């Protein structure tokens, strides 16, 4: 099992529990989708957009 998170290109160090939790969460979600083949490598990319500033 290898779990890696990059934020703004920098590696976020994960201890054992967060690694296992994230691994099981993502794998369980994907298995519920009943994919045609077993996942071997999973890449998730999330882009966080800046929130619009409120004008008073």
PDB file of N, CA and C in Angstrom:
ATOM      1  N   UNK A   1       0.855  -1.174   0.000  1.00  0.00           N
ATOM      2  CA  UNK A   1       0.000   0.000   0.000  1.00  0.00           C
ATOM      3  C   UNK A   1       0.900   1.236   0.000  1.00  0.00           C
ATOM      4  N   UNK A   2       0.647   2.131  -0.937  1.00  0.00           N
ATOM      5  CA  UNK A   2       1.348   3.415  -0.982  1.00  0.00           C
ATOM      6  C   UNK A   2       0.298   4.499  -1.145  1.00  0.00           C
ATOM      7  N   UNK A   3       0.282   5.454  -0.247  1.00  0.00           N
ATOM      8  CA  UNK A   3      -0.636   6.582  -0.318  1.00  0.00           C
ATOM      9  C   UNK A   3       0.207   7.848  -0.273  1.00  0.00           C
ATOM     10  N   UNK A   4      -0.003   8.728  -1.239  1.00  0.00           N
ATOM     11  CA  UNK A   4       0.761   9.972  -1.292  1.00  0.00           C
ATOM     12  C   UNK A   4      -0.196  11.113  -1.592  1.00  0.00           C
ATOM     13  N   UNK A   5      -0.018  12.211  -0.884  1.00  0.00           N
ATOM     14  CA  UNK A   5      -0.792  13.424  -1.142  1.00  0.00           C
ATOM     15  C   UNK A   5       0.196  14.543  -1.440  1.00  0.00           C
ATOM     16  N   UNK A   6      -0.048  15.234  -2.541  1.00  0.00           N
ATOM     17  CA  UNK A   6       0.728  16.415  -2.890  1.00  0.00           C
ATOM     18  C   UNK A   6      -0.198  17.622  -2.815  1.00  0.00           C
ATOM     19  N   UNK A   7       0.233  18.670  -2.133  1.00  0.00           N
ATOM     20  CA  UNK A   7      -0.519  19.919  -2.065  1.00  0.00           C
ATOM     21  C   UNK A   7       0.398  21.012  -2.602  1.00  0.00           C
ATOM     22  N   UNK A   8      -0.055  21.633  -3.678  1.00  0.00           N
ATOM     23  CA  UNK A   8       0.751  22.654  -4.354  1.00  0.00           C
ATOM     24  C   UNK A   8       2.135  22.114  -4.713  1.00  0.00           C
ATOM     25  N   UNK A   9       2.169  20.827  -5.106  1.00  0.00           N
ATOM     26  CA  UNK A   9       3.405  20.197  -5.537  1.00  0.00           C
ATOM     27  C   UNK A   9       4.298  19.704  -4.414  1.00  0.00           C
ATOM     28  N   UNK A  10       3.885  19.896  -3.168  1.00  0.00           N
ATOM     29  CA  UNK A  10       4.696  19.474  -2.024  1.00  0.00           C
ATOM     30  C   UNK A  10       4.082  18.242  -1.369  1.00  0.00           C
ATOM     31  N   UNK A  11       4.937  17.291  -1.030  1.00  0.00           N
ATOM     32  CA  UNK A  11       4.499  16.048  -0.409  1.00  0.00           C
ATOM     33  C   UNK A  11       4.021  16.308   1.018  1.00  0.00           C
ATOM     34  N   UNK A  12       2.847  15.764   1.354  1.00  0.00           N
ATOM     35  CA  UNK A  12       2.311  15.860   2.708  1.00  0.00           C
ATOM     36  C   UNK A  12       2.626  14.538   3.401  1.00  0.00           C
ATOM     37  N   UNK A  13       3.352  14.598   4.498  1.00  0.00           N
ATOM     38  CA  UNK A  13       3.724  13.388   5.226  1.00  0.00           C
ATOM     39  C   UNK A  13       2.498  12.847   5.958  1.00  0.00           C
ATOM     40  N   UNK A  14       2.204  11.572   5.725  1.00  0.00           N
ATOM     41  CA  UNK A  14       1.064  10.928   6.363  1.00  0.00           C
ATOM     42  C   UNK A  14       1.543   9.811   7.278  1.00  0.00           C
ATOM     43  N   UNK A  15       1.015   9.782   8.475  1.00  0.00           N
ATOM     44  CA  UNK A  15       1.312   8.674   9.384  1.00  0.00           C
ATOM     45  C   UNK A  15       0.455   7.482   8.974  1.00  0.00           C
ATOM     46  N   UNK A  16       0.640   6.373   9.665  1.00  0.00           N
ATOM     47  CA  UNK A  16      -0.003   5.116   9.292  1.00  0.00           C
ATOM     48  C   UNK A  16      -1.533   5.204   9.249  1.00  0.00           C
ATOM     49  N   UNK A  17      -2.167   5.751  10.298  1.00  0.00           N
ATOM     50  CA  UNK A  17      -3.628   5.775  10.337  1.00  0.00           C
ATOM     51  C   UNK A  17      -4.242   6.581   9.194  1.00  0.00           C
ATOM     52  N   UNK A  18      -3.793   7.820   8.933  1.00  0.00           N
ATOM     53  CA  UNK A  18      -4.380   8.553   7.799  1.00  0.00           C
ATOM     54  C   UNK A  18      -4.156   7.848   6.460  1.00  0.00           C
ATOM     55  N   UNK A  19      -2.992   7.198   6.291  1.00  0.00           N
ATOM     56  CA  UNK A  19      -2.739   6.451   5.049  1.00  0.00           C
ATOM     57  C   UNK A  19      -3.760   5.330   4.875  1.00  0.00           C
ATOM     58  N   UNK A  20      -3.934   4.536   5.936  1.00  0.00           N
ATOM     59  CA  UNK A  20      -4.877   3.413   5.852  1.00  0.00           C
ATOM     60  C   UNK A  20      -6.310   3.892   5.673  1.00  0.00           C
ATOM     61  N   UNK A  21      -6.678   4.968   6.375  1.00  0.00           N
ATOM     62  CA  UNK A  21      -8.040   5.496   6.278  1.00  0.00           C
ATOM     63  C   UNK A  21      -8.336   5.981   4.866  1.00  0.00           C
ATOM     64  N   UNK A  22      -7.422   6.751   4.289  1.00  0.00           N
ATOM     65  CA  UNK A  22      -7.617   7.266   2.937  1.00  0.00           C
ATOM     66  C   UNK A  22      -7.652   6.134   1.918  1.00  0.00           C
ATOM     67  N   UNK A  23      -6.758   5.186   2.067  1.00  0.00           N
ATOM     68  CA  UNK A  23      -6.702   4.020   1.184  1.00  0.00           C
ATOM     69  C   UNK A  23      -8.041   3.274   1.193  1.00  0.00           C
ATOM     70  N   UNK A  24      -8.532   2.952   2.390  1.00  0.00           N
ATOM     71  CA  UNK A  24      -9.777   2.192   2.504  1.00  0.00           C
ATOM     72  C   UNK A  24     -10.989   2.992   2.035  1.00  0.00           C
ATOM     73  N   UNK A  25     -10.999   4.288   2.287  1.00  0.00           N
ATOM     74  CA  UNK A  25     -12.098   5.143   1.849  1.00  0.00           C
ATOM     75  C   UNK A  25     -12.206   5.162   0.325  1.00  0.00           C
ATOM     76  N   UNK A  26     -11.088   5.439  -0.338  1.00  0.00           N
ATOM     77  CA  UNK A  26     -11.090   5.543  -1.795  1.00  0.00           C
ATOM     78  C   UNK A  26     -11.351   4.183  -2.430  1.00  0.00           C
ATOM     79  N   UNK A  27     -10.686   3.142  -1.944  1.00  0.00           N
ATOM     80  CA  UNK A  27     -10.886   1.816  -2.520  1.00  0.00           C
ATOM     81  C   UNK A  27     -12.325   1.338  -2.325  1.00  0.00           C
ATOM     82  N   UNK A  28     -12.890   1.567  -1.150  1.00  0.00           N
ATOM     83  CA  UNK A  28     -14.277   1.182  -0.895  1.00  0.00           C
ATOM     84  C   UNK A  28     -15.243   1.928  -1.804  1.00  0.00           C
ATOM     85  N   UNK A  29     -15.001   3.215  -2.015  1.00  0.00           N
ATOM     86  CA  UNK A  29     -15.844   4.011  -2.908  1.00  0.00           C
ATOM     87  C   UNK A  29     -15.789   3.455  -4.322  1.00  0.00           C
ATOM     88  N   UNK A  30     -14.580   3.173  -4.811  1.00  0.00           N
ATOM     89  CA  UNK A  30     -14.435   2.673  -6.175  1.00  0.00           C
ATOM     90  C   UNK A  30     -15.058   1.289  -6.351  1.00  0.00           C
ATOM     91  N   UNK A  31     -14.923   0.445  -5.346  1.00  0.00           N
ATOM     92  CA  UNK A  31     -15.519  -0.897  -5.445  1.00  0.00           C
ATOM     93  C   UNK A  31     -17.039  -0.819  -5.517  1.00  0.00           C
ATOM     94  N   UNK A  32     -17.632   0.195  -4.894  1.00  0.00           N
ATOM     95  CA  UNK A  32     -19.085   0.347  -4.940  1.00  0.00           C
ATOM     96  C   UNK A  32     -19.572   0.732  -6.337  1.00  0.00           C
ATOM     97  N   UNK A  33     -18.655   1.225  -7.177  1.00  0.00           N
ATOM     98  CA  UNK A  33     -19.019   1.616  -8.543  1.00  0.00           C
ATOM     99  C   UNK A  33     -19.063   0.433  -9.500  1.00  0.00           C
ATOM    100  N   UNK A  34     -18.639  -0.724  -9.024  1.00  0.00           N
ATOM    101  CA  UNK A  34     -18.649  -1.953  -9.818  1.00  0.00           C
ATOM    102  C   UNK A  34     -17.941  -1.756 -11.162  1.00  0.00           C
ATOM    103  N   UNK A  35     -16.673  -1.390 -11.074  1.00  0.00           N
ATOM    104  CA  UNK A  35     -15.856  -1.182 -12.267  1.00  0.00           C
ATOM    105  C   UNK A  35     -15.627  -2.497 -12.996  1.00  0.00           C
ATOM    106  N   UNK A  36     -15.286  -2.416 -14.270  1.00  0.00           N
ATOM    107  CA  UNK A  36     -15.062  -3.612 -15.078  1.00  0.00           C
ATOM    108  C   UNK A  36     -13.805  -4.359 -14.659  1.00  0.00           C
ATOM    109  N   UNK A  37     -12.804  -3.651 -14.127  1.00  0.00           N
ATOM    110  CA  UNK A  37     -11.583  -4.311 -13.694  1.00  0.00           C
ATOM    111  C   UNK A  37     -11.167  -3.813 -12.319  1.00  0.00           C
ATOM    112  N   UNK A  38     -10.364  -4.611 -11.634  1.00  0.00           N
ATOM    113  CA  UNK A  38      -9.888  -4.288 -10.292  1.00  0.00           C
ATOM    114  C   UNK A  38      -8.904  -3.106 -10.361  1.00  0.00           C
ATOM    115  N   UNK A  39      -9.059  -2.099  -9.485  1.00  0.00           N
ATOM    116  CA  UNK A  39      -8.129  -0.974  -9.498  1.00  0.00           C
ATOM    117  C   UNK A  39      -6.711  -1.431  -9.138  1.00  0.00           C
ATOM    118  N   UNK A  40      -5.733  -0.946  -9.893  1.00  0.00           N
ATOM    119  CA  UNK A  40      -4.332  -1.251  -9.615  1.00  0.00           C
ATOM    120  C   UNK A  40      -3.583   0.023  -9.206  1.00  0.00           C
ATOM    121  N   UNK A  41      -3.884   1.129  -9.855  1.00  0.00           N
ATOM    122  CA  UNK A  41      -3.312   2.428  -9.503  1.00  0.00           C
ATOM    123  C   UNK A  41      -4.415   3.464  -9.645  1.00  0.00           C
ATOM    124  N   UNK A  42      -4.569   4.287  -8.637  1.00  0.00           N
ATOM    125  CA  UNK A  42      -5.640   5.285  -8.614  1.00  0.00           C
ATOM    126  C   UNK A  42      -4.995   6.663  -8.477  1.00  0.00           C
ATOM    127  N   UNK A  43      -5.373   7.580  -9.338  1.00  0.00           N
ATOM    128  CA  UNK A  43      -4.878   8.961  -9.262  1.00  0.00           C
ATOM    129  C   UNK A  43      -6.103   9.865  -9.124  1.00  0.00           C
ATOM    130  N   UNK A  44      -6.110  10.679  -8.087  1.00  0.00           N
ATOM    131  CA  UNK A  44      -7.199  11.626  -7.870  1.00  0.00           C
ATOM    132  C   UNK A  44      -6.588  13.015  -7.855  1.00  0.00           C
ATOM    133  N   UNK A  45      -7.141  13.900  -8.648  1.00  0.00           N
ATOM    134  CA  UNK A  45      -6.648  15.279  -8.695  1.00  0.00           C
ATOM    135  C   UNK A  45      -7.820  16.202  -8.412  1.00  0.00           C
ATOM    136  N   UNK A  46      -7.650  17.071  -7.451  1.00  0.00           N
ATOM    137  CA  UNK A  46      -8.701  18.017  -7.069  1.00  0.00           C
ATOM    138  C   UNK A  46      -8.139  19.427  -7.175  1.00  0.00           C
ATOM    139  N   UNK A  47      -8.815  20.265  -7.931  1.00  0.00           N
ATOM    140  CA  UNK A  47      -8.406  21.658  -8.051  1.00  0.00           C
ATOM    141  C   UNK A  47      -9.328  22.502  -7.189  1.00  0.00           C
ATOM    142  N   UNK A  48      -8.751  23.239  -6.270  1.00  0.00           N
ATOM    143  CA  UNK A  48      -9.525  24.087  -5.379  1.00  0.00           C
ATOM    144  C   UNK A  48      -9.547  25.486  -5.967  1.00  0.00           C
ATOM    145  N   UNK A  49     -10.719  25.954  -6.288  1.00  0.00           N
ATOM    146  CA  UNK A  49     -10.865  27.295  -6.867  1.00  0.00           C
ATOM    147  C   UNK A  49     -10.957  28.314  -5.740  1.00  0.00           C
ATOM    148  N   UNK A  50     -10.413  29.466  -6.003  1.00  0.00           N
ATOM    149  CA  UNK A  50     -10.499  30.538  -5.016  1.00  0.00           C
ATOM    150  C   UNK A  50     -11.943  30.962  -4.843  1.00  0.00           C
ATOM    151  N   UNK A  51     -12.305  31.218  -3.627  1.00  0.00           N
ATOM    152  CA  UNK A  51     -13.667  31.684  -3.370  1.00  0.00           C
ATOM    153  C   UNK A  51     -13.791  33.126  -3.827  1.00  0.00           C
ATOM    154  N   UNK A  52     -14.952  33.414  -4.358  1.00  0.00           N
ATOM    155  CA  UNK A  52     -15.191  34.797  -4.781  1.00  0.00           C
ATOM    156  C   UNK A  52     -15.274  35.688  -3.542  1.00  0.00           C
ATOM    157  N   UNK A  53     -14.632  36.817  -3.614  1.00  0.00           N
ATOM    158  CA  UNK A  53     -14.665  37.739  -2.488  1.00  0.00           C
ATOM    159  C   UNK A  53     -15.999  38.472  -2.477  1.00  0.00           C
ATOM    160  N   UNK A  54     -16.576  38.582  -1.294  1.00  0.00           N
ATOM    161  CA  UNK A  54     -17.844  39.286  -1.151  1.00  0.00           C
ATOM    162  C   UNK A  54     -17.610  40.780  -1.137  1.00  0.00           C
ATOM    163  N   UNK A  55     -18.476  41.495  -1.818  1.00  0.00           N
ATOM    164  CA  UNK A  55     -18.399  42.959  -1.816  1.00  0.00           C
ATOM    165  C   UNK A  55     -19.500  43.462  -0.884  1.00  0.00           C
ATOM    166  N   UNK A  56     -19.110  44.257   0.110  1.00  0.00           N
ATOM    167  CA  UNK A  56     -20.109  44.759   1.070  1.00  0.00           C
ATOM    168  C   UNK A  56     -20.872  45.933   0.518  1.00  0.00           C
TER     169      UNK A  56
END
